[in-house]
């Protein structure tokens, strides 16, 4: 797990507290990847993120078949 925390040495401050705020939409990723929270806690945070806030808005606008505008790869 030491390698996970090496990135913190490159920062001027530790963003962990900010990422773990209850209103942060990526809180569940921080719980899973940074602090190694229990599966129960991670799952609850993921459920919350998928049902309220910006992640929920994005998911709610997705076509039920899994795309937004049209199926297939995005071409520029």
N, C-alpha and C. Protein backbone atom coordinates (compact mmCIF):
# COMPACT_ATOMS: atom_id res chain seq x y z
N UNK A 1 0.82 -1.19 0.00
CA UNK A 1 0.00 0.00 0.00
C UNK A 1 0.87 1.25 0.00
N UNK A 2 2.14 1.18 0.29
CA UNK A 2 3.03 2.33 0.32
C UNK A 2 3.09 3.07 -1.00
N UNK A 3 3.02 2.35 -2.10
CA UNK A 3 3.09 2.99 -3.40
C UNK A 3 1.87 3.87 -3.65
N UNK A 4 0.72 3.55 -3.08
CA UNK A 4 -0.47 4.37 -3.25
C UNK A 4 -0.28 5.76 -2.65
N UNK A 5 0.50 5.89 -1.62
CA UNK A 5 0.64 7.16 -0.94
C UNK A 5 1.84 7.97 -1.43
N UNK A 6 2.66 7.45 -2.35
CA UNK A 6 3.80 8.18 -2.86
C UNK A 6 3.39 9.46 -3.58
N UNK A 7 2.22 9.48 -4.22
CA UNK A 7 1.76 10.66 -4.93
C UNK A 7 1.56 11.84 -3.99
N UNK A 8 1.28 11.57 -2.73
CA UNK A 8 1.06 12.65 -1.77
C UNK A 8 2.33 13.48 -1.55
N UNK A 9 3.48 12.88 -1.73
CA UNK A 9 4.74 13.60 -1.55
C UNK A 9 4.92 14.70 -2.60
N UNK A 10 4.24 14.57 -3.72
CA UNK A 10 4.36 15.55 -4.80
C UNK A 10 3.46 16.76 -4.60
N UNK A 11 2.56 16.69 -3.66
CA UNK A 11 1.59 17.76 -3.43
C UNK A 11 2.02 18.69 -2.31
N UNK A 12 1.52 19.92 -2.33
CA UNK A 12 1.80 20.88 -1.26
C UNK A 12 0.93 20.60 -0.05
N UNK A 13 -0.20 19.94 -0.27
CA UNK A 13 -1.11 19.59 0.83
C UNK A 13 -1.78 18.26 0.50
N UNK A 14 -2.28 17.61 1.49
CA UNK A 14 -2.96 16.32 1.32
C UNK A 14 -4.44 16.57 1.02
N UNK A 15 -4.94 16.16 -0.16
CA UNK A 15 -6.34 16.40 -0.52
C UNK A 15 -7.31 15.36 0.03
N UNK A 16 -6.83 14.41 0.82
CA UNK A 16 -7.68 13.31 1.26
C UNK A 16 -8.94 13.79 1.97
N UNK A 17 -8.81 14.72 2.92
CA UNK A 17 -10.00 15.20 3.64
C UNK A 17 -11.01 15.82 2.68
N UNK A 18 -10.52 16.59 1.71
CA UNK A 18 -11.40 17.21 0.73
C UNK A 18 -12.11 16.15 -0.11
N UNK A 19 -11.38 15.12 -0.54
CA UNK A 19 -11.98 14.07 -1.35
C UNK A 19 -12.98 13.22 -0.57
N UNK A 20 -12.86 13.20 0.74
CA UNK A 20 -13.75 12.39 1.57
C UNK A 20 -14.97 13.17 2.08
N UNK A 21 -15.09 14.44 1.69
CA UNK A 21 -16.27 15.20 2.11
C UNK A 21 -17.52 14.53 1.58
N UNK A 22 -18.57 14.49 2.39
CA UNK A 22 -19.81 13.80 1.98
C UNK A 22 -20.41 14.32 0.68
N UNK A 23 -20.15 15.56 0.33
CA UNK A 23 -20.72 16.13 -0.89
C UNK A 23 -19.84 15.92 -2.12
N UNK A 24 -18.66 15.38 -1.96
CA UNK A 24 -17.76 15.18 -3.10
C UNK A 24 -18.27 14.01 -3.95
N UNK A 25 -18.51 14.24 -5.25
CA UNK A 25 -19.07 13.16 -6.09
C UNK A 25 -18.14 11.97 -6.28
N UNK A 26 -16.85 12.14 -6.06
CA UNK A 26 -15.93 11.01 -6.24
C UNK A 26 -15.48 10.44 -4.89
N UNK A 27 -16.23 10.74 -3.85
CA UNK A 27 -15.90 10.26 -2.50
C UNK A 27 -15.70 8.74 -2.48
N UNK A 28 -16.57 8.03 -3.18
CA UNK A 28 -16.46 6.57 -3.13
C UNK A 28 -15.15 6.08 -3.73
N UNK A 29 -14.62 6.78 -4.73
CA UNK A 29 -13.33 6.39 -5.30
C UNK A 29 -12.20 6.64 -4.30
N UNK A 30 -12.29 7.74 -3.58
CA UNK A 30 -11.29 8.01 -2.55
C UNK A 30 -11.37 6.98 -1.43
N UNK A 31 -12.59 6.62 -1.06
CA UNK A 31 -12.76 5.59 -0.03
C UNK A 31 -12.16 4.26 -0.47
N UNK A 32 -12.37 3.93 -1.72
CA UNK A 32 -11.88 2.65 -2.24
C UNK A 32 -10.38 2.66 -2.50
N UNK A 33 -9.88 3.72 -3.12
CA UNK A 33 -8.51 3.72 -3.63
C UNK A 33 -7.48 4.37 -2.72
N UNK A 34 -7.91 5.28 -1.85
CA UNK A 34 -6.94 6.01 -1.04
C UNK A 34 -6.94 5.55 0.41
N UNK A 35 -8.12 5.41 1.00
CA UNK A 35 -8.15 5.05 2.42
C UNK A 35 -8.50 3.59 2.66
N UNK A 36 -8.78 2.84 1.60
CA UNK A 36 -9.07 1.41 1.73
C UNK A 36 -10.19 1.14 2.72
N UNK A 37 -11.32 1.84 2.51
CA UNK A 37 -12.50 1.67 3.38
C UNK A 37 -13.12 0.30 3.14
N UNK A 38 -14.01 -0.08 4.03
CA UNK A 38 -14.68 -1.37 3.90
C UNK A 38 -15.58 -1.38 2.67
N UNK A 39 -15.85 -2.56 2.17
CA UNK A 39 -16.70 -2.72 0.99
C UNK A 39 -18.09 -2.13 1.24
N UNK A 40 -18.61 -2.30 2.44
CA UNK A 40 -19.92 -1.76 2.79
C UNK A 40 -19.95 -0.24 2.67
N UNK A 41 -18.92 0.43 3.18
CA UNK A 41 -18.84 1.89 3.14
C UNK A 41 -18.67 2.37 1.70
N UNK A 42 -17.82 1.71 0.93
CA UNK A 42 -17.60 2.07 -0.47
C UNK A 42 -18.89 1.90 -1.27
N UNK A 43 -19.58 0.80 -1.08
CA UNK A 43 -20.82 0.56 -1.81
C UNK A 43 -21.88 1.60 -1.48
N UNK A 44 -21.99 1.98 -0.22
CA UNK A 44 -22.97 3.00 0.18
C UNK A 44 -22.64 4.34 -0.47
N UNK A 45 -21.37 4.70 -0.48
CA UNK A 45 -20.96 5.97 -1.09
C UNK A 45 -21.18 5.93 -2.61
N UNK A 46 -20.92 4.81 -3.24
CA UNK A 46 -21.14 4.68 -4.68
C UNK A 46 -22.63 4.81 -5.00
N UNK A 47 -23.46 4.15 -4.22
CA UNK A 47 -24.92 4.26 -4.42
C UNK A 47 -25.37 5.71 -4.31
N UNK A 48 -24.88 6.41 -3.30
CA UNK A 48 -25.24 7.82 -3.12
C UNK A 48 -24.79 8.64 -4.33
N UNK A 49 -23.56 8.45 -4.79
CA UNK A 49 -23.04 9.20 -5.93
C UNK A 49 -23.83 8.92 -7.20
N UNK A 50 -24.32 7.71 -7.36
CA UNK A 50 -25.05 7.34 -8.57
C UNK A 50 -26.51 7.77 -8.52
N UNK A 51 -26.98 8.23 -7.37
CA UNK A 51 -28.39 8.63 -7.25
C UNK A 51 -28.60 10.11 -6.94
N UNK A 52 -27.53 10.86 -6.68
CA UNK A 52 -27.67 12.30 -6.45
C UNK A 52 -26.38 13.00 -6.85
N UNK A 53 -26.50 14.25 -7.28
CA UNK A 53 -25.33 15.02 -7.68
C UNK A 53 -24.99 14.86 -9.15
N UNK A 54 -23.78 15.32 -9.54
CA UNK A 54 -23.42 15.36 -10.96
C UNK A 54 -23.27 13.99 -11.63
N UNK A 55 -22.82 12.99 -10.91
CA UNK A 55 -22.71 11.65 -11.51
C UNK A 55 -24.10 11.13 -11.84
N UNK A 56 -25.05 11.33 -10.94
CA UNK A 56 -26.43 10.90 -11.18
C UNK A 56 -27.03 11.63 -12.38
N UNK A 57 -26.74 12.92 -12.52
CA UNK A 57 -27.24 13.69 -13.66
C UNK A 57 -26.72 13.10 -14.96
N UNK A 58 -25.44 12.79 -15.01
CA UNK A 58 -24.85 12.21 -16.22
C UNK A 58 -25.48 10.85 -16.51
N UNK A 59 -25.58 10.01 -15.49
CA UNK A 59 -26.14 8.68 -15.69
C UNK A 59 -27.61 8.74 -16.10
N UNK A 60 -28.35 9.69 -15.54
CA UNK A 60 -29.78 9.83 -15.87
C UNK A 60 -30.00 10.29 -17.31
N UNK A 61 -29.01 10.94 -17.90
CA UNK A 61 -29.13 11.41 -19.28
C UNK A 61 -28.62 10.38 -20.29
N UNK A 62 -28.12 9.26 -19.81
CA UNK A 62 -27.63 8.22 -20.69
C UNK A 62 -28.81 7.43 -21.25
N UNK A 63 -28.71 7.06 -22.50
CA UNK A 63 -29.71 6.19 -23.11
C UNK A 63 -29.68 4.86 -22.36
N UNK A 64 -30.82 4.23 -22.14
CA UNK A 64 -30.83 2.94 -21.43
C UNK A 64 -29.92 1.87 -22.04
N UNK A 65 -29.60 2.03 -23.32
CA UNK A 65 -28.72 1.05 -23.96
C UNK A 65 -27.24 1.37 -23.73
N UNK A 66 -26.94 2.47 -23.02
CA UNK A 66 -25.56 2.75 -22.63
C UNK A 66 -24.82 3.81 -23.42
N UNK A 67 -25.52 4.68 -24.13
CA UNK A 67 -24.85 5.75 -24.86
C UNK A 67 -25.62 7.05 -24.66
N UNK A 68 -25.02 8.19 -25.08
CA UNK A 68 -25.67 9.48 -24.89
C UNK A 68 -26.30 10.00 -26.17
N UNK A 69 -25.56 10.14 -27.23
CA UNK A 69 -26.08 10.74 -28.46
C UNK A 69 -26.42 9.69 -29.49
N UNK A 70 -25.46 8.85 -29.78
CA UNK A 70 -25.68 7.77 -30.72
C UNK A 70 -24.76 6.62 -30.36
N UNK A 71 -25.16 5.40 -30.67
CA UNK A 71 -24.32 4.26 -30.33
C UNK A 71 -23.04 4.26 -31.14
N UNK A 72 -22.02 3.61 -30.61
CA UNK A 72 -20.75 3.47 -31.30
C UNK A 72 -19.69 4.41 -30.76
N UNK A 73 -18.50 4.33 -31.33
CA UNK A 73 -17.40 5.16 -30.84
C UNK A 73 -17.63 6.64 -31.18
N UNK A 74 -17.05 7.51 -30.36
CA UNK A 74 -17.15 8.94 -30.61
C UNK A 74 -16.08 9.31 -31.63
N UNK A 75 -16.49 9.97 -32.69
CA UNK A 75 -15.55 10.39 -33.73
C UNK A 75 -15.43 11.91 -33.68
N UNK A 76 -14.21 12.41 -33.83
CA UNK A 76 -14.04 13.86 -33.81
C UNK A 76 -13.92 14.43 -35.19
